[in-house]
């Protein structure tokens, strides 16, 4: 009989579950032993090593490019290309991207089980695509619509790759590119000012994130090709919203830095209260529905917003010793509260 191959951590979880069911008289001891004997502990996490190895490879590639500009001899060599037209670099990276995509699709067809190596090739193609589009942007006038169309093209490329490869990582690139396109498109319509339809960037991205969440909940499930990316879209949309709302609670809907420095923070307190209310509601809803993602994001941003307000209103108004003492006590209380929840969950 073929045994179930589990990692050490997975085996410990299964053993705990079997022991719990045995104590609750849901399984006989003999049956528990029989099930435990059918489990093999994986000797080494080769899958994890492969993932980290490819990540390190990509990081090393980036560092190698950075090091290129730190080496005097190579700097002199690169300086020879300063007069090279941007169109040459654009075409070079476009060709490099095509080469990576061809290799990636060929590898996926021949070796579909080599997930990490296939995704690494595709990610390299994605980076090359971004570089090519970046140089093309240098050629075009940014005050024309062609400039924003470039970012829209990158969205289409990443989306097609994500669907073809069923890659959630590349789908994240798609949503990031979508955010960049949204920022440039609205900035273009506002003549590269900070406000668009009376909204600064934090307020715009708060709405943008909310729309992305709505898309993931009500529209995305209707497209079978995008269904598996629903949770990814929801989380990215939630992060867009919560980060933008946190920035909004600090800067308000101001687009002028000098105007913002002239106001007192209590004048935009309503944005802070909204950010706290939304994050707290998210954390409570996550606890109620036992959704770890909603709970964790809500709880993190609840604390972030709470301590942001704490710093805003008390930093200049109380003694530094008392400030950090209150801060230490508050974190200790949060730790105690978290510990109680953890103990309750572990004993229930």
C-alpha atoms as a PDB file:
ATOM      1  CA  UNK A   1       0.000   0.000   0.000  1.00  0.00           C
ATOM      2  CA  UNK A   2       1.324   3.423  -0.954  1.00  0.00           C
ATOM      3  CA  UNK A   3       1.941   5.654   2.071  1.00  0.00           C
ATOM      4  CA  UNK A   4       1.021   9.309   2.414  1.00  0.00           C
ATOM      5  CA  UNK A   5       4.134  11.492   2.046  1.00  0.00           C
ATOM      6  CA  UNK A   6       3.972  14.473   4.443  1.00  0.00           C
ATOM      7  CA  UNK A   7       6.406  17.067   5.737  1.00  0.00           C
ATOM      8  CA  UNK A   8       7.357  17.040   9.401  1.00  0.00           C
ATOM      9  CA  UNK A   9       4.999  19.926  10.180  1.00  0.00           C
ATOM     10  CA  UNK A  10       2.123  18.345   8.251  1.00  0.00           C
ATOM     11  CA  UNK A  11       2.694  15.012   9.986  1.00  0.00           C
ATOM     12  CA  UNK A  12       2.590  16.701  13.404  1.00  0.00           C
ATOM     13  CA  UNK A  13      -0.740  18.319  12.540  1.00  0.00           C
ATOM     14  CA  UNK A  14      -2.223  15.026  11.354  1.00  0.00           C
ATOM     15  CA  UNK A  15      -0.928  13.237  14.478  1.00  0.00           C
ATOM     16  CA  UNK A  16      -2.529  15.896  16.676  1.00  0.00           C
ATOM     17  CA  UNK A  17      -5.826  15.484  14.825  1.00  0.00           C
ATOM     18  CA  UNK A  18      -5.730  11.684  15.155  1.00  0.00           C
ATOM     19  CA  UNK A  19      -4.890  11.922  18.857  1.00  0.00           C
ATOM     20  CA  UNK A  20      -7.739  14.387  19.419  1.00  0.00           C
ATOM     21  CA  UNK A  21     -10.239  12.103  17.670  1.00  0.00           C
ATOM     22  CA  UNK A  22      -8.943   9.172  19.719  1.00  0.00           C
ATOM     23  CA  UNK A  23      -9.444  11.092  22.978  1.00  0.00           C
ATOM     24  CA  UNK A  24     -12.963  12.054  21.870  1.00  0.00           C
ATOM     25  CA  UNK A  25     -13.725   8.354  21.203  1.00  0.00           C
ATOM     26  CA  UNK A  26     -14.299   9.077  17.519  1.00  0.00           C
ATOM     27  CA  UNK A  27     -11.532   6.659  16.488  1.00  0.00           C
ATOM     28  CA  UNK A  28     -10.273   3.457  18.082  1.00  0.00           C
ATOM     29  CA  UNK A  29      -6.625   3.311  19.169  1.00  0.00           C
ATOM     30  CA  UNK A  30      -5.923   0.473  16.744  1.00  0.00           C
ATOM     31  CA  UNK A  31      -7.329   2.526  13.877  1.00  0.00           C
ATOM     32  CA  UNK A  32      -5.212   5.515  14.916  1.00  0.00           C
ATOM     33  CA  UNK A  33      -2.047   3.401  14.901  1.00  0.00           C
ATOM     34  CA  UNK A  34      -3.000   1.956  11.523  1.00  0.00           C
ATOM     35  CA  UNK A  35      -3.451   5.451  10.070  1.00  0.00           C
ATOM     36  CA  UNK A  36      -0.191   6.705  11.617  1.00  0.00           C
ATOM     37  CA  UNK A  37       1.706   3.779  10.109  1.00  0.00           C
ATOM     38  CA  UNK A  38       0.342   4.786   6.709  1.00  0.00           C
ATOM     39  CA  UNK A  39       2.153   8.151   6.932  1.00  0.00           C
ATOM     40  CA  UNK A  40       5.732   8.741   5.816  1.00  0.00           C
ATOM     41  CA  UNK A  41       7.662  11.788   6.952  1.00  0.00           C
ATOM     42  CA  UNK A  42       9.295  13.546   4.062  1.00  0.00           C
ATOM     43  CA  UNK A  43      13.040  13.537   4.638  1.00  0.00           C
ATOM     44  CA  UNK A  44      13.742  16.831   2.900  1.00  0.00           C
ATOM     45  CA  UNK A  45      11.568  19.653   1.557  1.00  0.00           C
ATOM     46  CA  UNK A  46      12.895  19.682  -1.997  1.00  0.00           C
ATOM     47  CA  UNK A  47       9.899  21.691  -3.186  1.00  0.00           C
ATOM     48  CA  UNK A  48      10.656  24.467  -0.708  1.00  0.00           C
ATOM     49  CA  UNK A  49      14.339  24.383  -1.653  1.00  0.00           C
ATOM     50  CA  UNK A  50      13.427  24.664  -5.342  1.00  0.00           C
ATOM     51  CA  UNK A  51      11.166  27.659  -4.694  1.00  0.00           C
ATOM     52  CA  UNK A  52      13.793  29.472  -2.619  1.00  0.00           C
ATOM     53  CA  UNK A  53      16.548  28.600  -5.090  1.00  0.00           C
ATOM     54  CA  UNK A  54      14.641  30.195  -7.978  1.00  0.00           C
ATOM     55  CA  UNK A  55      13.834  33.246  -5.865  1.00  0.00           C
ATOM     56  CA  UNK A  56      17.508  33.608  -4.939  1.00  0.00           C
ATOM     57  CA  UNK A  57      18.405  33.208  -8.620  1.00  0.00           C
ATOM     58  CA  UNK A  58      16.111  36.099  -9.573  1.00  0.00           C
ATOM     59  CA  UNK A  59      17.405  38.220  -6.683  1.00  0.00           C
ATOM     60  CA  UNK A  60      20.985  37.465  -7.701  1.00  0.00           C
ATOM     61  CA  UNK A  61      20.185  38.530 -11.256  1.00  0.00           C
ATOM     62  CA  UNK A  62      18.881  41.860  -9.980  1.00  0.00           C
ATOM     63  CA  UNK A  63      21.913  42.343  -7.714  1.00  0.00           C
ATOM     64  CA  UNK A  64      24.212  41.529 -10.611  1.00  0.00           C
ATOM     65  CA  UNK A  65      22.656  44.374 -12.613  1.00  0.00           C
ATOM     66  CA  UNK A  66      23.063  46.710  -9.628  1.00  0.00           C
ATOM     67  CA  UNK A  67      26.673  45.599  -9.200  1.00  0.00           C
ATOM     68  CA  UNK A  68      27.238  46.355 -12.858  1.00  0.00           C
ATOM     69  CA  UNK A  69      26.898  50.044 -12.115  1.00  0.00           C
ATOM     70  CA  UNK A  70      29.068  49.840  -9.005  1.00  0.00           C
ATOM     71  CA  UNK A  71      32.108  48.488 -10.844  1.00  0.00           C
ATOM     72  CA  UNK A  72      34.330  51.244 -12.293  1.00  0.00           C
ATOM     73  CA  UNK A  73      35.511  49.204 -15.257  1.00  0.00           C
ATOM     74  CA  UNK A  74      31.993  48.155 -16.141  1.00  0.00           C
ATOM     75  CA  UNK A  75      30.734  51.701 -15.646  1.00  0.00           C
ATOM     76  CA  UNK A  76      33.195  52.918 -18.270  1.00  0.00           C
ATOM     77  CA  UNK A  77      32.006  50.133 -20.546  1.00  0.00           C
ATOM     78  CA  UNK A  78      28.347  51.048 -20.013  1.00  0.00           C
ATOM     79  CA  UNK A  79      29.093  54.737 -20.622  1.00  0.00           C
ATOM     80  CA  UNK A  80      29.811  53.816 -24.228  1.00  0.00           C
ATOM     81  CA  UNK A  81      26.115  53.062 -24.602  1.00  0.00           C
ATOM     82  CA  UNK A  82      24.872  56.368 -23.185  1.00  0.00           C
ATOM     83  CA  UNK A  83      24.379  57.730 -26.679  1.00  0.00           C
ATOM     84  CA  UNK A  84      22.535  54.613 -27.819  1.00  0.00           C
ATOM     85  CA  UNK A  85      18.932  55.495 -28.766  1.00  0.00           C
ATOM     86  CA  UNK A  86      16.198  54.284 -26.409  1.00  0.00           C
ATOM     87  CA  UNK A  87      14.586  52.406 -29.307  1.00  0.00           C
ATOM     88  CA  UNK A  88      17.581  50.017 -29.356  1.00  0.00           C
ATOM     89  CA  UNK A  89      17.129  49.143 -25.681  1.00  0.00           C
ATOM     90  CA  UNK A  90      13.372  48.889 -26.190  1.00  0.00           C
ATOM     91  CA  UNK A  91      13.784  46.367 -29.014  1.00  0.00           C
ATOM     92  CA  UNK A  92      16.514  44.480 -27.135  1.00  0.00           C
ATOM     93  CA  UNK A  93      14.346  43.923 -24.049  1.00  0.00           C
ATOM     94  CA  UNK A  94      11.335  43.139 -26.247  1.00  0.00           C
ATOM     95  CA  UNK A  95      13.352  40.420 -27.997  1.00  0.00           C
ATOM     96  CA  UNK A  96      14.610  39.153 -24.636  1.00  0.00           C
ATOM     97  CA  UNK A  97      11.040  38.993 -23.344  1.00  0.00           C
ATOM     98  CA  UNK A  98       9.889  37.016 -26.402  1.00  0.00           C
ATOM     99  CA  UNK A  99      12.812  34.604 -25.929  1.00  0.00           C
ATOM    100  CA  UNK A 100      11.895  34.042 -22.268  1.00  0.00           C
ATOM    101  CA  UNK A 101       8.227  33.507 -23.149  1.00  0.00           C
ATOM    102  CA  UNK A 102       9.051  30.985 -25.884  1.00  0.00           C
ATOM    103  CA  UNK A 103      11.366  29.065 -23.540  1.00  0.00           C
ATOM    104  CA  UNK A 104       8.772  29.237 -20.778  1.00  0.00           C
ATOM    105  CA  UNK A 105       5.898  27.898 -22.881  1.00  0.00           C
ATOM    106  CA  UNK A 106       8.131  25.235 -24.417  1.00  0.00           C
ATOM    107  CA  UNK A 107       9.293  24.116 -20.983  1.00  0.00           C
ATOM    108  CA  UNK A 108       5.733  24.079 -19.667  1.00  0.00           C
ATOM    109  CA  UNK A 109       4.645  21.856 -22.543  1.00  0.00           C
ATOM    110  CA  UNK A 110       7.587  19.454 -22.175  1.00  0.00           C
ATOM    111  CA  UNK A 111       7.959  19.539 -18.391  1.00  0.00           C
ATOM    112  CA  UNK A 112       4.623  20.643 -16.866  1.00  0.00           C
ATOM    113  CA  UNK A 113       5.712  19.394 -13.434  1.00  0.00           C
ATOM    114  CA  UNK A 114       8.645  21.859 -13.288  1.00  0.00           C
ATOM    115  CA  UNK A 115       6.486  24.652 -11.915  1.00  0.00           C
ATOM    116  CA  UNK A 116       9.189  26.858 -10.421  1.00  0.00           C
ATOM    117  CA  UNK A 117      11.578  26.809 -13.382  1.00  0.00           C
ATOM    118  CA  UNK A 118       8.691  27.561 -15.773  1.00  0.00           C
ATOM    119  CA  UNK A 119       7.482  30.458 -13.632  1.00  0.00           C
ATOM    120  CA  UNK A 120      11.032  31.809 -13.318  1.00  0.00           C
ATOM    121  CA  UNK A 121      11.322  31.982 -17.102  1.00  0.00           C
ATOM    122  CA  UNK A 122       7.952  33.717 -17.341  1.00  0.00           C
ATOM    123  CA  UNK A 123       8.831  36.178 -14.577  1.00  0.00           C
ATOM    124  CA  UNK A 124      12.071  36.982 -16.374  1.00  0.00           C
ATOM    125  CA  UNK A 125       9.970  37.634 -19.466  1.00  0.00           C
ATOM    126  CA  UNK A 126       7.659  39.848 -17.391  1.00  0.00           C
ATOM    127  CA  UNK A 127      10.608  41.911 -16.115  1.00  0.00           C
ATOM    128  CA  UNK A 128      11.962  42.224 -19.675  1.00  0.00           C
ATOM    129  CA  UNK A 129       8.523  43.316 -20.867  1.00  0.00           C
ATOM    130  CA  UNK A 130       8.428  46.000 -18.169  1.00  0.00           C
ATOM    131  CA  UNK A 131      11.907  47.207 -19.201  1.00  0.00           C
ATOM    132  CA  UNK A 132      10.908  47.311 -22.874  1.00  0.00           C
ATOM    133  CA  UNK A 133       7.746  49.267 -22.097  1.00  0.00           C
ATOM    134  CA  UNK A 134       9.759  51.590 -19.850  1.00  0.00           C
ATOM    135  CA  UNK A 135      12.180  52.474 -22.673  1.00  0.00           C
ATOM    136  CA  UNK A 136       9.263  52.856 -25.064  1.00  0.00           C
ATOM    137  CA  UNK A 137       7.783  55.315 -22.574  1.00  0.00           C
ATOM    138  CA  UNK A 138      11.013  57.323 -22.782  1.00  0.00           C
ATOM    139  CA  UNK A 139      10.513  57.597 -26.528  1.00  0.00           C
ATOM    140  CA  UNK A 140       6.877  58.702 -26.415  1.00  0.00           C
ATOM    141  CA  UNK A 141       5.585  61.969 -25.017  1.00  0.00           C
ATOM    142  CA  UNK A 142       4.059  61.277 -21.616  1.00  0.00           C
ATOM    143  CA  UNK A 143       1.396  63.932 -22.258  1.00  0.00           C
ATOM    144  CA  UNK A 144      -0.237  61.753 -24.896  1.00  0.00           C
ATOM    145  CA  UNK A 145      -2.568  58.811 -24.409  1.00  0.00           C
ATOM    146  CA  UNK A 146       0.016  56.531 -25.986  1.00  0.00           C
ATOM    147  CA  UNK A 147       1.968  56.755 -22.736  1.00  0.00           C
ATOM    148  CA  UNK A 148      -0.851  55.241 -20.634  1.00  0.00           C
ATOM    149  CA  UNK A 149      -1.678  52.707 -23.352  1.00  0.00           C
ATOM    150  CA  UNK A 150       1.771  51.193 -22.746  1.00  0.00           C
ATOM    151  CA  UNK A 151       0.808  50.254 -19.210  1.00  0.00           C
ATOM    152  CA  UNK A 152      -2.500  48.883 -20.458  1.00  0.00           C
ATOM    153  CA  UNK A 153      -0.587  46.657 -22.896  1.00  0.00           C
ATOM    154  CA  UNK A 154       1.500  45.285 -20.009  1.00  0.00           C
ATOM    155  CA  UNK A 155      -1.748  44.428 -18.169  1.00  0.00           C
ATOM    156  CA  UNK A 156      -2.965  42.398 -21.152  1.00  0.00           C
ATOM    157  CA  UNK A 157       0.380  40.584 -21.482  1.00  0.00           C
ATOM    158  CA  UNK A 158       0.534  39.683 -17.792  1.00  0.00           C
ATOM    159  CA  UNK A 159      -3.130  38.638 -17.717  1.00  0.00           C
ATOM    160  CA  UNK A 160      -2.708  36.278 -20.686  1.00  0.00           C
ATOM    161  CA  UNK A 161       0.431  34.763 -19.126  1.00  0.00           C
ATOM    162  CA  UNK A 162      -1.276  34.319 -15.757  1.00  0.00           C
ATOM    163  CA  UNK A 163      -4.248  32.517 -17.334  1.00  0.00           C
ATOM    164  CA  UNK A 164      -2.087  30.360 -19.620  1.00  0.00           C
ATOM    165  CA  UNK A 165       0.266  29.334 -16.816  1.00  0.00           C
ATOM    166  CA  UNK A 166      -2.390  29.439 -14.085  1.00  0.00           C
ATOM    167  CA  UNK A 167       0.111  31.499 -12.099  1.00  0.00           C
ATOM    168  CA  UNK A 168      -1.153  33.534  -9.153  1.00  0.00           C
ATOM    169  CA  UNK A 169       2.216  35.276  -8.906  1.00  0.00           C
ATOM    170  CA  UNK A 170       1.921  36.662 -12.446  1.00  0.00           C
ATOM    171  CA  UNK A 171      -1.701  37.588 -11.690  1.00  0.00           C
ATOM    172  CA  UNK A 172      -0.316  39.754  -8.868  1.00  0.00           C
ATOM    173  CA  UNK A 173       1.900  41.456 -11.515  1.00  0.00           C
ATOM    174  CA  UNK A 174      -1.269  42.020 -13.558  1.00  0.00           C
ATOM    175  CA  UNK A 175      -3.032  43.773 -10.682  1.00  0.00           C
ATOM    176  CA  UNK A 176       0.056  45.851  -9.860  1.00  0.00           C
ATOM    177  CA  UNK A 177       0.275  46.904 -13.527  1.00  0.00           C
ATOM    178  CA  UNK A 178      -3.448  47.730 -13.366  1.00  0.00           C
ATOM    179  CA  UNK A 179      -2.751  50.032 -10.413  1.00  0.00           C
ATOM    180  CA  UNK A 180       0.109  51.734 -12.285  1.00  0.00           C
ATOM    181  CA  UNK A 181      -2.125  52.233 -15.324  1.00  0.00           C
ATOM    182  CA  UNK A 182      -4.900  53.687 -13.141  1.00  0.00           C
ATOM    183  CA  UNK A 183      -2.443  56.123 -11.529  1.00  0.00           C
ATOM    184  CA  UNK A 184      -0.973  57.302 -14.845  1.00  0.00           C
ATOM    185  CA  UNK A 185      -4.347  57.502 -16.600  1.00  0.00           C
ATOM    186  CA  UNK A 186      -5.914  59.678 -13.895  1.00  0.00           C
ATOM    187  CA  UNK A 187      -2.724  61.746 -13.608  1.00  0.00           C
ATOM    188  CA  UNK A 188      -2.764  62.367 -17.380  1.00  0.00           C
ATOM    189  CA  UNK A 189      -6.370  63.601 -17.252  1.00  0.00           C
ATOM    190  CA  UNK A 190      -5.452  65.951 -14.395  1.00  0.00           C
ATOM    191  CA  UNK A 191      -2.458  67.277 -16.408  1.00  0.00           C
ATOM    192  CA  UNK A 192      -0.080  65.454 -14.040  1.00  0.00           C
ATOM    193  CA  UNK A 193      -1.493  67.219 -11.025  1.00  0.00           C
ATOM    194  CA  UNK A 194      -2.198  65.561  -7.691  1.00  0.00           C
ATOM    195  CA  UNK A 195      -5.990  65.775  -7.930  1.00  0.00           C
ATOM    196  CA  UNK A 196      -8.399  64.074 -10.325  1.00  0.00           C
ATOM    197  CA  UNK A 197     -12.124  64.892 -10.032  1.00  0.00           C
ATOM    198  CA  UNK A 198     -11.286  66.493  -6.662  1.00  0.00           C
ATOM    199  CA  UNK A 199      -9.552  63.345  -5.334  1.00  0.00           C
ATOM    200  CA  UNK A 200      -5.890  62.929  -4.443  1.00  0.00           C
ATOM    201  CA  UNK A 201      -4.033  59.640  -4.910  1.00  0.00           C
ATOM    202  CA  UNK A 202      -4.938  58.023  -1.530  1.00  0.00           C
ATOM    203  CA  UNK A 203      -8.658  58.707  -2.035  1.00  0.00           C
ATOM    204  CA  UNK A 204      -8.486  57.488  -5.641  1.00  0.00           C
ATOM    205  CA  UNK A 205      -6.812  54.227  -4.644  1.00  0.00           C
ATOM    206  CA  UNK A 206      -9.254  53.698  -1.783  1.00  0.00           C
ATOM    207  CA  UNK A 207     -12.034  53.665  -4.383  1.00  0.00           C
ATOM    208  CA  UNK A 208      -9.878  51.689  -6.844  1.00  0.00           C
ATOM    209  CA  UNK A 209      -9.288  48.958  -4.234  1.00  0.00           C
ATOM    210  CA  UNK A 210     -13.006  48.840  -3.390  1.00  0.00           C
ATOM    211  CA  UNK A 211     -13.850  48.398  -7.094  1.00  0.00           C
ATOM    212  CA  UNK A 212     -11.272  45.607  -7.380  1.00  0.00           C
ATOM    213  CA  UNK A 213     -12.846  43.857  -4.365  1.00  0.00           C
ATOM    214  CA  UNK A 214     -16.292  44.182  -5.953  1.00  0.00           C
ATOM    215  CA  UNK A 215     -14.912  42.790  -9.223  1.00  0.00           C
ATOM    216  CA  UNK A 216     -13.425  39.764  -7.418  1.00  0.00           C
ATOM    217  CA  UNK A 217     -16.682  39.006  -5.582  1.00  0.00           C
ATOM    218  CA  UNK A 218     -19.389  39.568  -8.192  1.00  0.00           C
ATOM    219  CA  UNK A 219     -17.817  39.584 -11.661  1.00  0.00           C
ATOM    220  CA  UNK A 220     -14.723  37.372 -11.576  1.00  0.00           C
ATOM    221  CA  UNK A 221     -16.610  34.155 -10.593  1.00  0.00           C
ATOM    222  CA  UNK A 222     -18.542  34.418 -13.867  1.00  0.00           C
ATOM    223  CA  UNK A 223     -15.318  33.975 -15.874  1.00  0.00           C
ATOM    224  CA  UNK A 224     -14.086  30.402 -15.556  1.00  0.00           C
ATOM    225  CA  UNK A 225     -10.576  31.373 -16.695  1.00  0.00           C
ATOM    226  CA  UNK A 226     -10.265  33.901 -13.860  1.00  0.00           C
ATOM    227  CA  UNK A 227     -12.082  31.966 -11.139  1.00  0.00           C
ATOM    228  CA  UNK A 228      -8.930  30.520  -9.574  1.00  0.00           C
ATOM    229  CA  UNK A 229      -7.528  34.054  -9.163  1.00  0.00           C
ATOM    230  CA  UNK A 230     -10.560  35.291  -7.218  1.00  0.00           C
ATOM    231  CA  UNK A 231      -8.956  35.071  -3.769  1.00  0.00           C
ATOM    232  CA  UNK A 232      -5.771  36.761  -5.053  1.00  0.00           C
ATOM    233  CA  UNK A 233      -7.759  39.647  -6.553  1.00  0.00           C
ATOM    234  CA  UNK A 234      -9.747  40.011  -3.338  1.00  0.00           C
ATOM    235  CA  UNK A 235      -6.626  40.193  -1.151  1.00  0.00           C
ATOM    236  CA  UNK A 236      -4.795  42.626  -3.479  1.00  0.00           C
ATOM    237  CA  UNK A 237      -7.905  44.821  -3.684  1.00  0.00           C
ATOM    238  CA  UNK A 238      -8.188  44.747   0.091  1.00  0.00           C
ATOM    239  CA  UNK A 239      -4.536  45.751   0.474  1.00  0.00           C
ATOM    240  CA  UNK A 240      -4.970  48.580  -2.057  1.00  0.00           C
ATOM    241  CA  UNK A 241      -7.953  49.855  -0.060  1.00  0.00           C
ATOM    242  CA  UNK A 242      -6.489  49.522   3.424  1.00  0.00           C
ATOM    243  CA  UNK A 243      -3.087  51.042   2.560  1.00  0.00           C
ATOM    244  CA  UNK A 244      -4.725  53.938   0.687  1.00  0.00           C
ATOM    245  CA  UNK A 245      -7.215  54.488   3.521  1.00  0.00           C
ATOM    246  CA  UNK A 246      -4.359  54.566   6.036  1.00  0.00           C
ATOM    247  CA  UNK A 247      -2.538  57.200   3.909  1.00  0.00           C
ATOM    248  CA  UNK A 248      -5.809  59.104   3.622  1.00  0.00           C
ATOM    249  CA  UNK A 249      -6.127  59.130   7.420  1.00  0.00           C
ATOM    250  CA  UNK A 250      -2.717  60.866   7.619  1.00  0.00           C
ATOM    251  CA  UNK A 251      -2.836  63.301   4.693  1.00  0.00           C
ATOM    252  CA  UNK A 252      -6.558  63.720   4.137  1.00  0.00           C
ATOM    253  CA  UNK A 253      -7.715  64.694   0.665  1.00  0.00           C
ATOM    254  CA  UNK A 254      -4.976  67.312   0.343  1.00  0.00           C
ATOM    255  CA  UNK A 255      -2.803  67.577  -2.750  1.00  0.00           C
ATOM    256  CA  UNK A 256      -0.664  70.499  -1.627  1.00  0.00           C
ATOM    257  CA  UNK A 257       2.052  69.665   0.908  1.00  0.00           C
ATOM    258  CA  UNK A 258       2.252  73.227   2.220  1.00  0.00           C
ATOM    259  CA  UNK A 259      -1.526  73.364   2.715  1.00  0.00           C
ATOM    260  CA  UNK A 260      -1.400  70.051   4.566  1.00  0.00           C
ATOM    261  CA  UNK A 261       1.341  71.282   6.931  1.00  0.00           C
ATOM    262  CA  UNK A 262      -0.840  74.269   7.899  1.00  0.00           C
ATOM    263  CA  UNK A 263      -3.728  72.177   9.229  1.00  0.00           C
ATOM    264  CA  UNK A 264      -4.089  70.486  12.602  1.00  0.00           C
ATOM    265  CA  UNK A 265      -4.450  66.727  12.488  1.00  0.00           C
ATOM    266  CA  UNK A 266      -7.824  66.791  14.264  1.00  0.00           C
ATOM    267  CA  UNK A 267      -9.250  68.584  11.205  1.00  0.00           C
ATOM    268  CA  UNK A 268      -9.017  65.330   9.233  1.00  0.00           C
ATOM    269  CA  UNK A 269      -9.857  63.068  12.191  1.00  0.00           C
ATOM    270  CA  UNK A 270     -12.915  61.730  10.342  1.00  0.00           C
ATOM    271  CA  UNK A 271     -10.635  59.909   7.878  1.00  0.00           C
ATOM    272  CA  UNK A 272      -8.767  58.346  10.811  1.00  0.00           C
ATOM    273  CA  UNK A 273     -12.017  57.248  12.464  1.00  0.00           C
ATOM    274  CA  UNK A 274     -13.200  55.771   9.151  1.00  0.00           C
ATOM    275  CA  UNK A 275      -9.916  53.835   8.752  1.00  0.00           C
ATOM    276  CA  UNK A 276     -10.175  52.482  12.314  1.00  0.00           C
ATOM    277  CA  UNK A 277     -13.839  51.538  11.878  1.00  0.00           C
ATOM    278  CA  UNK A 278     -13.250  49.724   8.564  1.00  0.00           C
ATOM    279  CA  UNK A 279     -10.220  47.781   9.845  1.00  0.00           C
ATOM    280  CA  UNK A 280     -11.989  46.830  13.092  1.00  0.00           C
ATOM    281  CA  UNK A 281     -15.090  45.702  11.197  1.00  0.00           C
ATOM    282  CA  UNK A 282     -12.866  43.646   8.907  1.00  0.00           C
ATOM    283  CA  UNK A 283     -11.102  41.970  11.849  1.00  0.00           C
ATOM    284  CA  UNK A 284     -14.403  41.172  13.622  1.00  0.00           C
ATOM    285  CA  UNK A 285     -15.973  39.837  10.421  1.00  0.00           C
ATOM    286  CA  UNK A 286     -12.903  37.654   9.848  1.00  0.00           C
ATOM    287  CA  UNK A 287     -13.168  36.286  13.406  1.00  0.00           C
ATOM    288  CA  UNK A 288     -16.874  35.582  12.956  1.00  0.00           C
ATOM    289  CA  UNK A 289     -16.432  33.837   9.606  1.00  0.00           C
ATOM    290  CA  UNK A 290     -13.157  32.172  10.703  1.00  0.00           C
ATOM    291  CA  UNK A 291     -11.402  33.774   7.728  1.00  0.00           C
ATOM    292  CA  UNK A 292      -7.736  34.089   8.707  1.00  0.00           C
ATOM    293  CA  UNK A 293      -6.874  36.473   5.846  1.00  0.00           C
ATOM    294  CA  UNK A 294      -9.634  38.984   6.646  1.00  0.00           C
ATOM    295  CA  UNK A 295      -8.938  38.700  10.378  1.00  0.00           C
ATOM    296  CA  UNK A 296      -5.186  39.249  10.036  1.00  0.00           C
ATOM    297  CA  UNK A 297      -5.397  42.135   7.553  1.00  0.00           C
ATOM    298  CA  UNK A 298      -8.109  43.821   9.606  1.00  0.00           C
ATOM    299  CA  UNK A 299      -6.240  43.349  12.866  1.00  0.00           C
ATOM    300  CA  UNK A 300      -2.904  44.607  11.457  1.00  0.00           C
ATOM    301  CA  UNK A 301      -4.453  47.750   9.976  1.00  0.00           C
ATOM    302  CA  UNK A 302      -6.552  48.317  13.099  1.00  0.00           C
ATOM    303  CA  UNK A 303      -3.370  48.412  15.175  1.00  0.00           C
ATOM    304  CA  UNK A 304      -1.552  50.465  12.520  1.00  0.00           C
ATOM    305  CA  UNK A 305      -4.323  53.068  12.419  1.00  0.00           C
ATOM    306  CA  UNK A 306      -4.688  53.093  16.186  1.00  0.00           C
ATOM    307  CA  UNK A 307      -0.992  53.698  16.788  1.00  0.00           C
ATOM    308  CA  UNK A 308      -0.830  56.238  13.970  1.00  0.00           C
ATOM    309  CA  UNK A 309      -3.521  58.261  15.768  1.00  0.00           C
ATOM    310  CA  UNK A 310      -1.648  57.696  19.025  1.00  0.00           C
ATOM    311  CA  UNK A 311       1.550  59.202  17.564  1.00  0.00           C
ATOM    312  CA  UNK A 312      -0.304  62.050  15.819  1.00  0.00           C
ATOM    313  CA  UNK A 313      -2.113  63.310  18.891  1.00  0.00           C
ATOM    314  CA  UNK A 314       0.265  62.490  21.742  1.00  0.00           C
ATOM    315  CA  UNK A 315       3.818  62.817  20.358  1.00  0.00           C
ATOM    316  CA  UNK A 316       3.927  66.603  20.790  1.00  0.00           C
ATOM    317  CA  UNK A 317       1.586  66.762  23.776  1.00  0.00           C
ATOM    318  CA  UNK A 318       3.062  64.485  26.450  1.00  0.00           C
ATOM    319  CA  UNK A 319       6.455  63.701  27.955  1.00  0.00           C
ATOM    320  CA  UNK A 320       8.521  61.233  25.872  1.00  0.00           C
ATOM    321  CA  UNK A 321       8.997  58.894  28.866  1.00  0.00           C
ATOM    322  CA  UNK A 322       5.254  58.712  29.435  1.00  0.00           C
ATOM    323  CA  UNK A 323       4.664  58.337  25.693  1.00  0.00           C
ATOM    324  CA  UNK A 324       6.860  55.237  25.385  1.00  0.00           C
ATOM    325  CA  UNK A 325       5.565  53.879  28.709  1.00  0.00           C
ATOM    326  CA  UNK A 326       1.989  54.085  27.464  1.00  0.00           C
ATOM    327  CA  UNK A 327       3.124  52.544  24.165  1.00  0.00           C
ATOM    328  CA  UNK A 328       4.825  49.636  25.989  1.00  0.00           C
ATOM    329  CA  UNK A 329       1.773  49.001  28.191  1.00  0.00           C
ATOM    330  CA  UNK A 330      -0.560  49.055  25.183  1.00  0.00           C
ATOM    331  CA  UNK A 331       1.584  46.531  23.287  1.00  0.00           C
ATOM    332  CA  UNK A 332       1.745  44.345  26.402  1.00  0.00           C
ATOM    333  CA  UNK A 333      -2.052  44.397  26.611  1.00  0.00           C
ATOM    334  CA  UNK A 334      -2.308  43.483  22.915  1.00  0.00           C
ATOM    335  CA  UNK A 335       0.130  40.612  23.530  1.00  0.00           C
ATOM    336  CA  UNK A 336      -1.859  39.366  26.519  1.00  0.00           C
ATOM    337  CA  UNK A 337      -5.082  39.549  24.543  1.00  0.00           C
ATOM    338  CA  UNK A 338      -3.531  37.642  21.634  1.00  0.00           C
ATOM    339  CA  UNK A 339      -2.137  35.035  24.036  1.00  0.00           C
ATOM    340  CA  UNK A 340      -5.566  34.443  25.573  1.00  0.00           C
ATOM    341  CA  UNK A 341      -7.138  33.972  22.139  1.00  0.00           C
ATOM    342  CA  UNK A 342      -4.352  31.554  21.136  1.00  0.00           C
ATOM    343  CA  UNK A 343      -4.752  29.505  24.357  1.00  0.00           C
ATOM    344  CA  UNK A 344      -8.514  29.436  23.959  1.00  0.00           C
ATOM    345  CA  UNK A 345      -8.199  28.171  20.385  1.00  0.00           C
ATOM    346  CA  UNK A 346      -5.620  25.542  21.324  1.00  0.00           C
ATOM    347  CA  UNK A 347      -7.762  24.121  24.176  1.00  0.00           C
ATOM    348  CA  UNK A 348     -11.127  24.246  22.393  1.00  0.00           C
END
